[in-house]
Amino acid sequence: MVEQTFTITSEAGLHARPATALVNAVNSFTADVNLEANGRTVNLKSIMGVMSLGIAKGATVKITANGSDEEAALEAVKRAMATESLGE
């Protein structure tokens, strides 16, 4: 299992458009990819799950990936976070 923590720096937080970009970034991988924030963990492949967390600017999120392509899945998340200017 691999994991990385990010702090959301986007003024709008993790709203619909960047959340969709994150979901799309990991959907092609077989690894289980989860997002943890606000004391809850959801499947990062589920837009409804991600949106249900209501992640605001300044929130810390942890992404975990577990499976045969876990490293590639985490790299895809990092790229999407950078492309959408979501966090660091």
Foldseek 3Di string as FASTA:
>chain_A
DDKDKWAFADQAFCDQPLLVQLLVLQVVDPWFKWKDWPNDIDGSVDSVRVVVRVGHHGTMMMIFTDDDCRVSSVVSNVVSCVVVVTTD
